[in-house]
Amino acid sequence: MQPYKTLAADGYAYYEIQKSKFHAYTAHVESEAEARDFITSIKKKHFDARHNCSAWVLGEDSGIQKSNDDGEPGGTAGNPILEAIKQHGLTNAVVVVTRYFGGIKLGAGGLIRAYNHTASIGLDASDILEIKPMARLSVALDYDLWGTMENWLRASEIRTDGTDYTDKVTVQLLIEPDQLEAVTTEITNLTAARAVLTPHEPEYLALPVTK
């Protein structure tokens, strides 16, 4: 299980150069079918545009990558959009850049720069999630230990995912798998082995990325 980054929600950005207007639309997708559906929806929205160029990257290993120039000279639109997605380190993401021609030709180099820049600012405007494998550790302990545990959690900056207050306090911790053994040992020492620790298999969790 490897961590990866993806889009949290749809995004949008606008860019204009030499009277050509560029609109970037970004979205999180889980399959090629979803990517195609998103592209189709943008084409319907901008049915009067000359070009709706696109690219997507899919898979935890970014193994599926496709792009489309949609009538622009080969390699001047779809690939620069694809490069923007890769430069942002994203997968399970699709970007469509719609162009309204302004009457002034940009040339191949100008098109490449314009499509890459528009896709990049669209991605910059989008919220990003890091999908990380995290091990859940349930910690059950008596109330007299809870103050000590709370202080340790704050100092350690360990993520929590809910706390139940019944006959004992049970807190759910989210630990990076390679840190699970060390955290377990530390809690055991902190509580003099009075805490009941229940580890669970790692699972993918979506964590917001701070820009």
C-alpha atoms as a PDB file:
ATOM      1  CA  MET A   1       0.000   0.000   0.000  1.00  0.00           C
ATOM      2  CA  GLN A   2       1.562   3.241  -1.202  1.00  0.00           C
ATOM      3  CA  PRO A   3       0.374   6.802  -0.489  1.00  0.00           C
ATOM      4  CA  TYR A   4      -0.827   8.937  -3.379  1.00  0.00           C
ATOM      5  CA  LYS A   5      -2.427  12.328  -3.959  1.00  0.00           C
ATOM      6  CA  THR A   6      -5.681  13.088  -5.731  1.00  0.00           C
ATOM      7  CA  LEU A   7      -8.304  15.802  -6.061  1.00  0.00           C
ATOM      8  CA  ALA A   8     -10.858  16.308  -3.313  1.00  0.00           C
ATOM      9  CA  ALA A   9     -13.494  17.926  -5.544  1.00  0.00           C
ATOM     10  CA  ASP A  10     -14.039  19.653  -8.876  1.00  0.00           C
ATOM     11  CA  GLY A  11     -12.021  22.818  -9.533  1.00  0.00           C
ATOM     12  CA  TYR A  12     -11.948  25.670 -12.047  1.00  0.00           C
ATOM     13  CA  ALA A  13      -9.585  28.396 -13.279  1.00  0.00           C
ATOM     14  CA  TYR A  14      -9.515  30.901 -16.151  1.00  0.00           C
ATOM     15  CA  TYR A  15      -6.621  32.227 -18.218  1.00  0.00           C
ATOM     16  CA  GLU A  16      -6.475  34.601 -21.186  1.00  0.00           C
ATOM     17  CA  ILE A  17      -3.613  35.300 -23.568  1.00  0.00           C
ATOM     18  CA  GLN A  18      -3.578  37.014 -26.977  1.00  0.00           C
ATOM     19  CA  LYS A  19      -7.402  37.151 -26.884  1.00  0.00           C
ATOM     20  CA  SER A  20      -7.657  33.357 -26.587  1.00  0.00           C
ATOM     21  CA  LYS A  21      -9.712  32.376 -23.548  1.00  0.00           C
ATOM     22  CA  PHE A  22      -8.828  29.202 -21.652  1.00  0.00           C
ATOM     23  CA  HIS A  23     -11.056  27.519 -19.042  1.00  0.00           C
ATOM     24  CA  ALA A  24      -9.664  24.714 -16.861  1.00  0.00           C
ATOM     25  CA  TYR A  25     -11.944  22.165 -15.194  1.00  0.00           C
ATOM     26  CA  THR A  26     -10.582  19.522 -12.818  1.00  0.00           C
ATOM     27  CA  ALA A  27     -12.220  16.515 -11.179  1.00  0.00           C
ATOM     28  CA  HIS A  28     -11.534  13.398  -9.127  1.00  0.00           C
ATOM     29  CA  VAL A  29     -12.377  10.215 -11.029  1.00  0.00           C
ATOM     30  CA  GLU A  30     -12.003   6.518 -10.253  1.00  0.00           C
ATOM     31  CA  SER A  31     -12.229   5.054 -13.766  1.00  0.00           C
ATOM     32  CA  GLU A  32     -11.810   5.822 -17.445  1.00  0.00           C
ATOM     33  CA  ALA A  33     -15.590   5.809 -17.798  1.00  0.00           C
ATOM     34  CA  GLU A  34     -15.901   8.539 -15.149  1.00  0.00           C
ATOM     35  CA  ALA A  35     -13.150  10.532 -16.861  1.00  0.00           C
ATOM     36  CA  ARG A  36     -14.912  10.308 -20.225  1.00  0.00           C
ATOM     37  CA  ASP A  37     -18.238  11.292 -18.659  1.00  0.00           C
ATOM     38  CA  PHE A  38     -16.641  14.374 -17.100  1.00  0.00           C
ATOM     39  CA  ILE A  39     -15.041  15.366 -20.404  1.00  0.00           C
ATOM     40  CA  THR A  40     -18.389  14.912 -22.164  1.00  0.00           C
ATOM     41  CA  SER A  41     -20.106  17.131 -19.591  1.00  0.00           C
ATOM     42  CA  ILE A  42     -17.590  19.936 -20.215  1.00  0.00           C
ATOM     43  CA  LYS A  43     -17.977  19.567 -23.981  1.00  0.00           C
ATOM     44  CA  LYS A  44     -21.740  19.977 -23.573  1.00  0.00           C
ATOM     45  CA  LYS A  45     -21.212  23.018 -21.353  1.00  0.00           C
ATOM     46  CA  HIS A  46     -18.877  24.587 -23.916  1.00  0.00           C
ATOM     47  CA  PHE A  47     -20.473  23.215 -27.078  1.00  0.00           C
ATOM     48  CA  ASP A  48     -19.566  26.441 -28.900  1.00  0.00           C
ATOM     49  CA  ALA A  49     -15.834  26.227 -28.125  1.00  0.00           C
ATOM     50  CA  ARG A  50     -13.346  25.260 -30.811  1.00  0.00           C
ATOM     51  CA  HIS A  51     -11.362  22.935 -28.537  1.00  0.00           C
ATOM     52  CA  ASN A  52     -12.019  20.931 -25.338  1.00  0.00           C
ATOM     53  CA  CYS A  53      -8.650  19.309 -24.723  1.00  0.00           C
ATOM     54  CA  SER A  54      -8.139  16.840 -21.897  1.00  0.00           C
ATOM     55  CA  ALA A  55      -5.949  14.411 -20.003  1.00  0.00           C
ATOM     56  CA  TRP A  56      -6.299  12.004 -17.129  1.00  0.00           C
ATOM     57  CA  VAL A  57      -4.176   9.881 -14.827  1.00  0.00           C
ATOM     58  CA  LEU A  58      -5.566   6.827 -13.027  1.00  0.00           C
ATOM     59  CA  GLY A  59      -4.376   4.133 -10.626  1.00  0.00           C
ATOM     60  CA  GLU A  60      -2.481   4.114  -7.345  1.00  0.00           C
ATOM     61  CA  ASP A  61       0.718   3.831  -9.398  1.00  0.00           C
ATOM     62  CA  SER A  62      -0.457   6.416 -11.982  1.00  0.00           C
ATOM     63  CA  GLY A  63      -0.242   3.597 -14.503  1.00  0.00           C
ATOM     64  CA  ILE A  64      -3.069   4.768 -16.777  1.00  0.00           C
ATOM     65  CA  GLN A  65      -2.395   8.054 -18.583  1.00  0.00           C
ATOM     66  CA  LYS A  66      -4.255   9.440 -21.574  1.00  0.00           C
ATOM     67  CA  SER A  67      -4.546  12.780 -23.344  1.00  0.00           C
ATOM     68  CA  ASN A  68      -6.475  14.295 -26.232  1.00  0.00           C
ATOM     69  CA  ASP A  69      -5.596  17.356 -28.350  1.00  0.00           C
ATOM     70  CA  ASP A  70      -9.184  17.723 -29.638  1.00  0.00           C
ATOM     71  CA  GLY A  71      -8.192  19.368 -32.883  1.00  0.00           C
ATOM     72  CA  GLU A  72      -5.177  21.347 -31.722  1.00  0.00           C
ATOM     73  CA  PRO A  73      -1.843  20.535 -33.429  1.00  0.00           C
ATOM     74  CA  GLY A  74      -0.486  17.206 -32.194  1.00  0.00           C
ATOM     75  CA  GLY A  75       1.241  17.376 -28.828  1.00  0.00           C
ATOM     76  CA  THR A  76       0.358  21.019 -28.098  1.00  0.00           C
ATOM     77  CA  ALA A  77      -2.627  20.547 -25.788  1.00  0.00           C
ATOM     78  CA  GLY A  78      -3.380  17.125 -24.320  1.00  0.00           C
ATOM     79  CA  ASN A  79       0.216  16.287 -23.395  1.00  0.00           C
ATOM     80  CA  PRO A  80       0.892  19.663 -21.683  1.00  0.00           C
ATOM     81  CA  ILE A  81      -2.283  19.094 -19.643  1.00  0.00           C
ATOM     82  CA  LEU A  82      -1.103  15.594 -18.772  1.00  0.00           C
ATOM     83  CA  GLU A  83       2.277  16.993 -17.728  1.00  0.00           C
ATOM     84  CA  ALA A  84       0.554  19.452 -15.384  1.00  0.00           C
ATOM     85  CA  ILE A  85      -1.239  16.579 -13.633  1.00  0.00           C
ATOM     86  CA  LYS A  86       2.047  14.685 -13.309  1.00  0.00           C
ATOM     87  CA  GLN A  87       3.911  17.793 -12.110  1.00  0.00           C
ATOM     88  CA  HIS A  88       1.358  18.096  -9.298  1.00  0.00           C
ATOM     89  CA  GLY A  89       1.937  14.439  -8.381  1.00  0.00           C
ATOM     90  CA  LEU A  90      -1.740  13.541  -8.777  1.00  0.00           C
ATOM     91  CA  THR A  91      -3.615  10.442  -9.846  1.00  0.00           C
ATOM     92  CA  ASN A  92      -7.294   9.560 -10.268  1.00  0.00           C
ATOM     93  CA  ALA A  93      -7.615  13.028 -11.751  1.00  0.00           C
ATOM     94  CA  VAL A  94      -8.944  14.460 -15.014  1.00  0.00           C
ATOM     95  CA  VAL A  95      -8.445  17.950 -16.434  1.00  0.00           C
ATOM     96  CA  VAL A  96     -10.278  19.552 -19.346  1.00  0.00           C
ATOM     97  CA  VAL A  97      -9.038  22.835 -20.817  1.00  0.00           C
ATOM     98  CA  THR A  98     -11.538  24.583 -23.071  1.00  0.00           C
ATOM     99  CA  ARG A  99     -10.199  27.151 -25.537  1.00  0.00           C
ATOM    100  CA  TYR A 100     -12.032  29.940 -27.308  1.00  0.00           C
ATOM    101  CA  PHE A 101      -9.804  31.127 -30.151  1.00  0.00           C
ATOM    102  CA  GLY A 102      -9.190  34.880 -30.091  1.00  0.00           C
ATOM    103  CA  GLY A 103      -8.058  35.303 -33.676  1.00  0.00           C
ATOM    104  CA  ILE A 104      -4.328  35.456 -32.943  1.00  0.00           C
ATOM    105  CA  LYS A 105      -2.308  32.285 -33.495  1.00  0.00           C
ATOM    106  CA  LEU A 106      -0.125  31.340 -30.520  1.00  0.00           C
ATOM    107  CA  GLY A 107       2.188  28.957 -32.339  1.00  0.00           C
ATOM    108  CA  ALA A 108       3.097  25.482 -31.103  1.00  0.00           C
ATOM    109  CA  GLY A 109       5.246  26.737 -28.226  1.00  0.00           C
ATOM    110  CA  GLY A 110       2.624  29.254 -27.161  1.00  0.00           C
ATOM    111  CA  LEU A 111      -0.088  26.604 -27.171  1.00  0.00           C
ATOM    112  CA  ILE A 112       2.010  24.214 -25.101  1.00  0.00           C
ATOM    113  CA  ARG A 113       2.703  26.901 -22.513  1.00  0.00           C
ATOM    114  CA  ALA A 114      -0.907  28.101 -22.444  1.00  0.00           C
ATOM    115  CA  TYR A 115      -2.441  24.653 -21.985  1.00  0.00           C
ATOM    116  CA  ASN A 116       0.107  23.627 -19.367  1.00  0.00           C
ATOM    117  CA  HIS A 117      -0.311  26.892 -17.445  1.00  0.00           C
ATOM    118  CA  THR A 118      -4.117  26.772 -17.546  1.00  0.00           C
ATOM    119  CA  ALA A 119      -4.191  23.182 -16.348  1.00  0.00           C
ATOM    120  CA  SER A 120      -1.686  24.039 -13.602  1.00  0.00           C
ATOM    121  CA  ILE A 121      -3.666  26.979 -12.234  1.00  0.00           C
ATOM    122  CA  GLY A 122      -6.797  24.829 -12.361  1.00  0.00           C
ATOM    123  CA  LEU A 123      -5.070  22.209 -10.239  1.00  0.00           C
ATOM    124  CA  ASP A 124      -3.648  24.895  -7.939  1.00  0.00           C
ATOM    125  CA  ALA A 125      -7.215  26.061  -7.337  1.00  0.00           C
ATOM    126  CA  SER A 126      -8.366  22.536  -6.442  1.00  0.00           C
ATOM    127  CA  ASP A 127      -8.365  20.988  -2.982  1.00  0.00           C
ATOM    128  CA  ILE A 128      -5.938  18.065  -2.709  1.00  0.00           C
ATOM    129  CA  LEU A 129      -6.196  14.895  -0.664  1.00  0.00           C
ATOM    130  CA  GLU A 130      -3.387  12.558   0.292  1.00  0.00           C
ATOM    131  CA  ILE A 131      -4.596   8.971   0.353  1.00  0.00           C
ATOM    132  CA  LYS A 132      -2.378   7.213   2.872  1.00  0.00           C
ATOM    133  CA  PRO A 133      -2.331   3.736   4.382  1.00  0.00           C
ATOM    134  CA  MET A 134      -2.939   4.221   8.111  1.00  0.00           C
ATOM    135  CA  ALA A 135      -3.202   1.612  10.854  1.00  0.00           C
ATOM    136  CA  ARG A 136      -6.029   2.098  13.341  1.00  0.00           C
ATOM    137  CA  LEU A 137      -5.072   1.498  16.973  1.00  0.00           C
ATOM    138  CA  SER A 138      -7.853   1.271  19.578  1.00  0.00           C
ATOM    139  CA  VAL A 139      -6.683   2.305  23.037  1.00  0.00           C
ATOM    140  CA  ALA A 140      -8.967   1.528  26.010  1.00  0.00           C
ATOM    141  CA  LEU A 141      -7.938   2.819  29.438  1.00  0.00           C
ATOM    142  CA  ASP A 142      -9.294   3.878  32.824  1.00  0.00           C
ATOM    143  CA  TYR A 143     -10.381   7.461  33.388  1.00  0.00           C
ATOM    144  CA  ASP A 144      -7.511   8.187  35.763  1.00  0.00           C
ATOM    145  CA  LEU A 145      -5.089   7.677  32.845  1.00  0.00           C
ATOM    146  CA  TRP A 146      -6.994   9.771  30.343  1.00  0.00           C
ATOM    147  CA  GLY A 147      -5.427  13.130  31.255  1.00  0.00           C
ATOM    148  CA  THR A 148      -1.947  11.697  30.798  1.00  0.00           C
ATOM    149  CA  MET A 149      -2.956  10.143  27.479  1.00  0.00           C
ATOM    150  CA  GLU A 150      -4.526  13.402  26.213  1.00  0.00           C
ATOM    151  CA  ASN A 151      -1.372  15.359  26.996  1.00  0.00           C
ATOM    152  CA  TRP A 152       0.778  12.764  25.262  1.00  0.00           C
ATOM    153  CA  LEU A 153      -1.465  12.761  22.179  1.00  0.00           C
ATOM    154  CA  ARG A 154      -1.234  16.543  21.870  1.00  0.00           C
ATOM    155  CA  ALA A 155       2.547  16.504  22.298  1.00  0.00           C
ATOM    156  CA  SER A 156       2.943  13.636  19.826  1.00  0.00           C
ATOM    157  CA  GLU A 157       0.573  15.196  17.246  1.00  0.00           C
ATOM    158  CA  ILE A 158      -0.983  11.788  16.620  1.00  0.00           C
ATOM    159  CA  ARG A 159      -4.238  11.789  14.647  1.00  0.00           C
ATOM    160  CA  THR A 160      -7.349  10.603  16.469  1.00  0.00           C
ATOM    161  CA  ASP A 161     -10.597   9.393  14.967  1.00  0.00           C
ATOM    162  CA  GLY A 162     -13.137   9.539  17.760  1.00  0.00           C
ATOM    163  CA  THR A 163     -13.318   8.859  21.489  1.00  0.00           C
ATOM    164  CA  ASP A 164     -15.933   6.833  23.389  1.00  0.00           C
ATOM    165  CA  TYR A 165     -16.639   7.426  27.071  1.00  0.00           C
ATOM    166  CA  THR A 166     -18.257   4.376  28.667  1.00  0.00           C
ATOM    167  CA  ASP A 167     -16.923   2.375  31.606  1.00  0.00           C
ATOM    168  CA  LYS A 168     -13.526   3.152  30.096  1.00  0.00           C
ATOM    169  CA  VAL A 169     -12.220   5.757  27.675  1.00  0.00           C
ATOM    170  CA  THR A 170     -11.571   4.288  24.232  1.00  0.00           C
ATOM    171  CA  VAL A 171      -9.741   6.453  21.704  1.00  0.00           C
ATOM    172  CA  GLN A 172      -9.100   5.538  18.087  1.00  0.00           C
ATOM    173  CA  LEU A 173      -5.622   6.469  16.853  1.00  0.00           C
ATOM    174  CA  LEU A 174      -4.483   6.623  13.232  1.00  0.00           C
ATOM    175  CA  ILE A 175      -0.844   5.590  12.939  1.00  0.00           C
ATOM    176  CA  GLU A 176       1.458   5.280   9.963  1.00  0.00           C
ATOM    177  CA  PRO A 177       2.078   1.520   9.665  1.00  0.00           C
ATOM    178  CA  ASP A 178       5.834   1.752  10.136  1.00  0.00           C
ATOM    179  CA  GLN A 179       5.280   3.680  13.402  1.00  0.00           C
ATOM    180  CA  LEU A 180       2.732   1.281  14.900  1.00  0.00           C
ATOM    181  CA  GLU A 181       5.193  -0.811  16.897  1.00  0.00           C
ATOM    182  CA  ALA A 182       6.964   2.227  18.381  1.00  0.00           C
ATOM    183  CA  VAL A 183       3.662   3.929  19.308  1.00  0.00           C
ATOM    184  CA  THR A 184       2.350   0.729  20.892  1.00  0.00           C
ATOM    185  CA  THR A 185       5.504   0.431  23.011  1.00  0.00           C
ATOM    186  CA  GLU A 186       5.324   4.073  24.051  1.00  0.00           C
ATOM    187  CA  ILE A 187       1.675   3.845  25.150  1.00  0.00           C
ATOM    188  CA  THR A 188       2.402   0.633  27.041  1.00  0.00           C
ATOM    189  CA  ASN A 189       5.189   2.390  28.927  1.00  0.00           C
ATOM    190  CA  LEU A 190       3.134   5.561  29.437  1.00  0.00           C
ATOM    191  CA  THR A 191       0.257   3.652  31.040  1.00  0.00           C
ATOM    192  CA  ALA A 192       2.359   1.039  32.846  1.00  0.00           C
ATOM    193  CA  ALA A 193       0.743  -1.595  30.627  1.00  0.00           C
ATOM    194  CA  ARG A 194      -2.743  -0.752  31.934  1.00  0.00           C
ATOM    195  CA  ALA A 195      -4.121   0.261  28.516  1.00  0.00           C
ATOM    196  CA  VAL A 196      -5.726  -2.359  26.276  1.00  0.00           C
ATOM    197  CA  LEU A 197      -4.347  -1.905  22.764  1.00  0.00           C
ATOM    198  CA  THR A 198      -6.080  -3.367  19.716  1.00  0.00           C
ATOM    199  CA  PRO A 199      -4.320  -2.831  16.380  1.00  0.00           C
ATOM    200  CA  HIS A 200      -6.177  -3.163  13.066  1.00  0.00           C
ATOM    201  CA  GLU A 201      -4.953  -3.788   9.551  1.00  0.00           C
ATOM    202  CA  PRO A 202      -3.885  -0.679   7.597  1.00  0.00           C
ATOM    203  CA  GLU A 203      -6.553   0.979   5.470  1.00  0.00           C
ATOM    204  CA  TYR A 204      -6.492   3.852   3.001  1.00  0.00           C
ATOM    205  CA  LEU A 205      -7.598   7.133   4.539  1.00  0.00           C
ATOM    206  CA  ALA A 206      -8.087  10.504   2.839  1.00  0.00           C
ATOM    207  CA  LEU A 207      -6.167  13.288   4.537  1.00  0.00           C
ATOM    208  CA  PRO A 208      -6.432  16.955   3.425  1.00  0.00           C
ATOM    209  CA  VAL A 209      -3.215  18.483   2.107  1.00  0.00           C
ATOM    210  CA  THR A 210      -2.394  21.928   3.490  1.00  0.00           C
ATOM    211  CA  LYS A 211      -1.277  24.328   0.769  1.00  0.00           C
END
